[in-house]
């Protein structure tokens, strides 16, 4: 959801000069509070140092992408699990 929120912010900055003005005046935290971001991500983006809004957006995209990549990592079982029978089961089922 964070990347979608960031996309909306950048799109909004095209038609709303208040976004770029908020960046220029150092009050991006007020704008970021309106976005659907985690408190940690909001804090990180609020502390970004950039000389232009474009630079801010580029750095923000990198940070959000990295945070979402960490959240998407899923610990899936090996595809081999369940395909190779356990040795104990084989030995128990063998005829004497």
N, C-alpha and C. Protein backbone atom coordinates (compact mmCIF):
# COMPACT_ATOMS: atom_id res chain seq x y z
N UNK A 1 0.81 -1.19 0.00
CA UNK A 1 0.00 0.00 0.00
C UNK A 1 0.86 1.25 0.00
N UNK A 2 2.04 1.16 0.50
CA UNK A 2 2.91 2.32 0.60
C UNK A 2 3.30 2.85 -0.78
N UNK A 3 3.61 1.94 -1.70
CA UNK A 3 4.01 2.38 -3.05
C UNK A 3 2.83 3.07 -3.73
N UNK A 4 1.65 2.56 -3.52
CA UNK A 4 0.46 3.18 -4.09
C UNK A 4 0.26 4.58 -3.51
N UNK A 5 0.48 4.74 -2.24
CA UNK A 5 0.36 6.05 -1.60
C UNK A 5 1.40 7.02 -2.15
N UNK A 6 2.61 6.52 -2.34
CA UNK A 6 3.67 7.37 -2.87
C UNK A 6 3.36 7.78 -4.31
N UNK A 7 2.81 6.85 -5.10
CA UNK A 7 2.41 7.18 -6.47
C UNK A 7 1.35 8.28 -6.47
N UNK A 8 0.41 8.18 -5.54
CA UNK A 8 -0.63 9.21 -5.44
C UNK A 8 -0.04 10.57 -5.06
N UNK A 9 0.95 10.55 -4.18
CA UNK A 9 1.59 11.80 -3.77
C UNK A 9 2.29 12.46 -4.95
N UNK A 10 3.03 11.67 -5.71
CA UNK A 10 3.76 12.22 -6.86
C UNK A 10 2.76 12.72 -7.92
N UNK A 11 1.71 11.97 -8.16
CA UNK A 11 0.70 12.40 -9.12
C UNK A 11 0.02 13.69 -8.64
N UNK A 12 -0.27 13.74 -7.36
CA UNK A 12 -0.90 14.93 -6.78
C UNK A 12 0.01 16.14 -6.87
N UNK A 13 1.33 15.92 -6.78
CA UNK A 13 2.27 17.04 -6.85
C UNK A 13 2.26 17.71 -8.23
N UNK A 14 1.81 16.98 -9.24
CA UNK A 14 1.74 17.54 -10.59
C UNK A 14 0.63 18.58 -10.69
N UNK A 15 -0.49 18.32 -10.01
CA UNK A 15 -1.63 19.24 -10.14
C UNK A 15 -1.81 20.14 -8.92
N UNK A 16 -1.16 19.80 -7.82
CA UNK A 16 -1.30 20.58 -6.59
C UNK A 16 0.05 21.20 -6.22
N UNK A 17 0.23 22.48 -6.49
CA UNK A 17 1.52 23.12 -6.17
C UNK A 17 1.81 23.15 -4.67
N UNK A 18 0.81 22.89 -3.85
CA UNK A 18 1.00 22.88 -2.40
C UNK A 18 1.96 21.78 -1.94
N UNK A 19 2.03 20.70 -2.70
CA UNK A 19 2.93 19.60 -2.33
C UNK A 19 4.38 20.06 -2.45
N UNK A 20 4.71 20.65 -3.59
CA UNK A 20 6.08 21.12 -3.81
C UNK A 20 6.39 22.28 -2.87
N UNK A 21 5.42 23.13 -2.60
CA UNK A 21 5.62 24.23 -1.66
C UNK A 21 5.86 23.70 -0.25
N UNK A 22 5.13 22.65 0.12
CA UNK A 22 5.34 22.04 1.44
C UNK A 22 6.74 21.47 1.55
N UNK A 23 7.20 20.86 0.45
CA UNK A 23 8.58 20.34 0.44
C UNK A 23 9.57 21.49 0.60
N UNK A 24 9.37 22.55 -0.18
CA UNK A 24 10.30 23.69 -0.15
C UNK A 24 10.33 24.37 1.22
N UNK A 25 9.21 24.36 1.92
CA UNK A 25 9.16 25.01 3.22
C UNK A 25 9.56 24.08 4.36
N UNK A 26 9.85 22.83 4.02
CA UNK A 26 10.28 21.88 5.04
C UNK A 26 9.15 21.26 5.85
N UNK A 27 7.94 21.32 5.32
CA UNK A 27 6.81 20.75 6.06
C UNK A 27 6.21 19.53 5.37
N UNK A 28 7.08 18.68 4.84
CA UNK A 28 6.60 17.46 4.19
C UNK A 28 5.97 16.50 5.19
N UNK A 29 6.34 16.59 6.45
CA UNK A 29 5.78 15.67 7.44
C UNK A 29 4.26 15.83 7.52
N UNK A 30 3.75 17.03 7.34
CA UNK A 30 2.30 17.26 7.35
C UNK A 30 1.64 16.52 6.20
N UNK A 31 2.27 16.57 5.04
CA UNK A 31 1.74 15.87 3.86
C UNK A 31 1.84 14.37 4.05
N UNK A 32 2.97 13.91 4.59
CA UNK A 32 3.18 12.47 4.79
C UNK A 32 2.20 11.90 5.80
N UNK A 33 1.75 12.70 6.76
CA UNK A 33 0.78 12.24 7.74
C UNK A 33 -0.56 11.89 7.10
N UNK A 34 -0.84 12.46 5.95
CA UNK A 34 -2.08 12.18 5.23
C UNK A 34 -2.02 10.87 4.46
N UNK A 35 -0.83 10.35 4.28
CA UNK A 35 -0.64 9.16 3.46
C UNK A 35 -0.79 7.88 4.27
N UNK A 36 -1.10 6.80 3.57
CA UNK A 36 -1.25 5.48 4.20
C UNK A 36 0.14 4.83 4.31
N UNK A 37 0.88 5.24 5.33
CA UNK A 37 2.23 4.74 5.56
C UNK A 37 2.37 4.28 7.00
N UNK A 38 3.28 3.35 7.21
CA UNK A 38 3.56 2.93 8.58
C UNK A 38 4.27 4.09 9.29
N UNK A 39 4.16 4.15 10.61
CA UNK A 39 4.83 5.24 11.34
C UNK A 39 6.34 5.27 11.09
N UNK A 40 6.96 4.09 11.01
CA UNK A 40 8.41 4.04 10.77
C UNK A 40 8.76 4.61 9.40
N UNK A 41 7.98 4.22 8.39
CA UNK A 41 8.25 4.69 7.04
C UNK A 41 7.97 6.19 6.93
N UNK A 42 6.92 6.64 7.57
CA UNK A 42 6.59 8.07 7.58
C UNK A 42 7.73 8.88 8.21
N UNK A 43 8.28 8.36 9.28
CA UNK A 43 9.39 9.03 9.95
C UNK A 43 10.62 9.06 9.06
N UNK A 44 10.92 7.93 8.44
CA UNK A 44 12.09 7.86 7.55
C UNK A 44 11.95 8.84 6.39
N UNK A 45 10.79 8.85 5.76
CA UNK A 45 10.58 9.76 4.63
C UNK A 45 10.58 11.22 5.08
N UNK A 46 10.10 11.47 6.27
CA UNK A 46 10.09 12.84 6.79
C UNK A 46 11.48 13.39 7.05
N UNK A 47 12.43 12.50 7.24
CA UNK A 47 13.81 12.92 7.53
C UNK A 47 14.70 12.91 6.29
N UNK A 48 14.13 12.59 5.13
CA UNK A 48 14.93 12.56 3.90
C UNK A 48 15.49 13.95 3.59
N UNK A 49 16.74 13.96 3.19
CA UNK A 49 17.35 15.22 2.76
C UNK A 49 17.46 15.20 1.24
N UNK A 50 16.88 16.22 0.60
CA UNK A 50 16.92 16.33 -0.85
C UNK A 50 16.90 17.80 -1.22
N UNK A 51 17.51 18.10 -2.36
CA UNK A 51 17.57 19.49 -2.81
C UNK A 51 16.36 19.89 -3.66
N UNK A 52 15.60 18.89 -4.14
CA UNK A 52 14.41 19.18 -4.94
C UNK A 52 13.35 18.12 -4.64
N UNK A 53 12.12 18.41 -5.03
CA UNK A 53 11.05 17.43 -4.81
C UNK A 53 11.29 16.20 -5.66
N UNK A 54 11.85 16.37 -6.83
CA UNK A 54 12.16 15.23 -7.70
C UNK A 54 13.15 14.30 -7.00
N UNK A 55 14.18 14.87 -6.42
CA UNK A 55 15.17 14.06 -5.69
C UNK A 55 14.52 13.38 -4.49
N UNK A 56 13.63 14.10 -3.80
CA UNK A 56 12.89 13.51 -2.69
C UNK A 56 12.09 12.30 -3.16
N UNK A 57 11.38 12.46 -4.28
CA UNK A 57 10.54 11.37 -4.80
C UNK A 57 11.38 10.16 -5.17
N UNK A 58 12.53 10.38 -5.80
CA UNK A 58 13.41 9.27 -6.19
C UNK A 58 13.90 8.53 -4.95
N UNK A 59 14.37 9.26 -3.97
CA UNK A 59 14.84 8.62 -2.73
C UNK A 59 13.70 7.91 -2.01
N UNK A 60 12.53 8.53 -2.00
CA UNK A 60 11.37 7.93 -1.33
C UNK A 60 10.99 6.63 -2.02
N UNK A 61 10.99 6.60 -3.34
CA UNK A 61 10.67 5.37 -4.07
C UNK A 61 11.64 4.25 -3.69
N UNK A 62 12.91 4.57 -3.60
CA UNK A 62 13.90 3.55 -3.23
C UNK A 62 13.64 3.00 -1.83
N UNK A 63 13.33 3.89 -0.91
CA UNK A 63 13.09 3.46 0.48
C UNK A 63 11.82 2.62 0.57
N UNK A 64 10.75 3.08 -0.07
CA UNK A 64 9.48 2.35 -0.02
C UNK A 64 9.62 0.99 -0.69
N UNK A 65 10.30 0.96 -1.83
CA UNK A 65 10.49 -0.31 -2.54
C UNK A 65 11.28 -1.29 -1.68
N UNK A 66 12.31 -0.81 -1.03
CA UNK A 66 13.11 -1.68 -0.16
C UNK A 66 12.30 -2.17 1.03
N UNK A 67 11.46 -1.32 1.59
CA UNK A 67 10.66 -1.75 2.75
C UNK A 67 9.60 -2.75 2.33
N UNK A 68 9.02 -2.57 1.15
CA UNK A 68 8.02 -3.52 0.68
C UNK A 68 8.65 -4.85 0.30
N UNK A 69 9.87 -4.81 -0.22
CA UNK A 69 10.55 -6.06 -0.58
C UNK A 69 10.78 -6.90 0.67
N UNK A 70 11.13 -6.24 1.77
CA UNK A 70 11.33 -6.98 3.03
C UNK A 70 10.02 -7.57 3.52
N UNK A 71 8.93 -6.86 3.33
CA UNK A 71 7.64 -7.36 3.80
C UNK A 71 7.13 -8.51 2.93
N UNK A 72 7.54 -8.56 1.67
CA UNK A 72 7.05 -9.59 0.76
C UNK A 72 7.82 -10.90 0.85
N UNK A 73 8.94 -10.90 1.56
CA UNK A 73 9.70 -12.13 1.69
C UNK A 73 8.89 -13.12 2.51
N UNK A 74 8.59 -14.24 1.88
CA UNK A 74 7.80 -15.27 2.54
C UNK A 74 8.65 -16.53 2.65
N UNK A 75 8.59 -17.14 3.79
CA UNK A 75 9.37 -18.36 4.02
C UNK A 75 8.54 -19.55 3.54
N UNK A 76 8.71 -19.90 2.28
CA UNK A 76 7.98 -21.03 1.71
C UNK A 76 8.74 -22.33 1.94
N UNK A 77 8.00 -23.42 2.11
CA UNK A 77 8.69 -24.70 2.27
C UNK A 77 9.31 -25.13 0.95
N UNK A 78 10.27 -26.01 1.05
CA UNK A 78 10.92 -26.53 -0.14
C UNK A 78 9.91 -27.34 -0.94
N UNK A 79 9.98 -27.29 -2.26
CA UNK A 79 9.07 -28.09 -3.07
C UNK A 79 9.30 -29.59 -2.88
N UNK A 80 10.42 -29.95 -2.31
CA UNK A 80 10.74 -31.37 -2.10
C UNK A 80 10.03 -31.93 -0.86
N UNK A 81 9.55 -31.07 0.01
CA UNK A 81 8.88 -31.54 1.22
C UNK A 81 7.62 -32.28 0.83
N UNK A 82 7.49 -33.48 1.30
CA UNK A 82 6.31 -34.29 1.01
C UNK A 82 6.47 -35.17 -0.20
N UNK A 83 7.47 -34.92 -1.03
CA UNK A 83 7.68 -35.73 -2.21
C UNK A 83 8.59 -36.93 -1.94
N UNK A 84 9.49 -36.76 -1.03
CA UNK A 84 10.42 -37.83 -0.68
C UNK A 84 9.94 -38.42 0.64
N UNK A 85 9.54 -39.69 0.63
CA UNK A 85 9.06 -40.29 1.88
C UNK A 85 10.16 -40.39 2.92
N UNK A 86 9.76 -40.33 4.17
CA UNK A 86 10.71 -40.48 5.26
C UNK A 86 11.26 -41.89 5.28
N UNK A 87 12.52 -42.03 5.61
CA UNK A 87 13.16 -43.34 5.69
C UNK A 87 12.49 -44.21 6.75
N UNK A 88 12.08 -43.60 7.86
CA UNK A 88 11.46 -44.37 8.95
C UNK A 88 10.17 -45.03 8.48
N UNK A 89 9.38 -44.29 7.70
CA UNK A 89 8.12 -44.84 7.20
C UNK A 89 8.36 -45.99 6.26
N UNK A 90 9.36 -45.89 5.42
CA UNK A 90 9.68 -46.94 4.46
C UNK A 90 10.09 -48.20 5.20
N UNK A 91 10.94 -48.07 6.19
CA UNK A 91 11.43 -49.22 6.92
C UNK A 91 10.32 -49.90 7.71
N UNK A 92 9.38 -49.14 8.25
CA UNK A 92 8.25 -49.71 9.01
C UNK A 92 7.28 -50.47 8.11
N UNK A 93 7.14 -49.99 6.86
CA UNK A 93 6.17 -50.59 5.97
C UNK A 93 6.70 -51.77 5.17
N UNK A 94 7.99 -52.04 5.24
CA UNK A 94 8.56 -53.16 4.48
C UNK A 94 8.24 -54.49 5.16
N UNK A 95 8.02 -55.48 4.33
CA UNK A 95 7.76 -56.83 4.85
C UNK A 95 9.07 -57.45 5.32
N UNK A 96 8.96 -58.33 6.31
CA UNK A 96 10.15 -58.96 6.87
C UNK A 96 10.64 -60.08 6.01
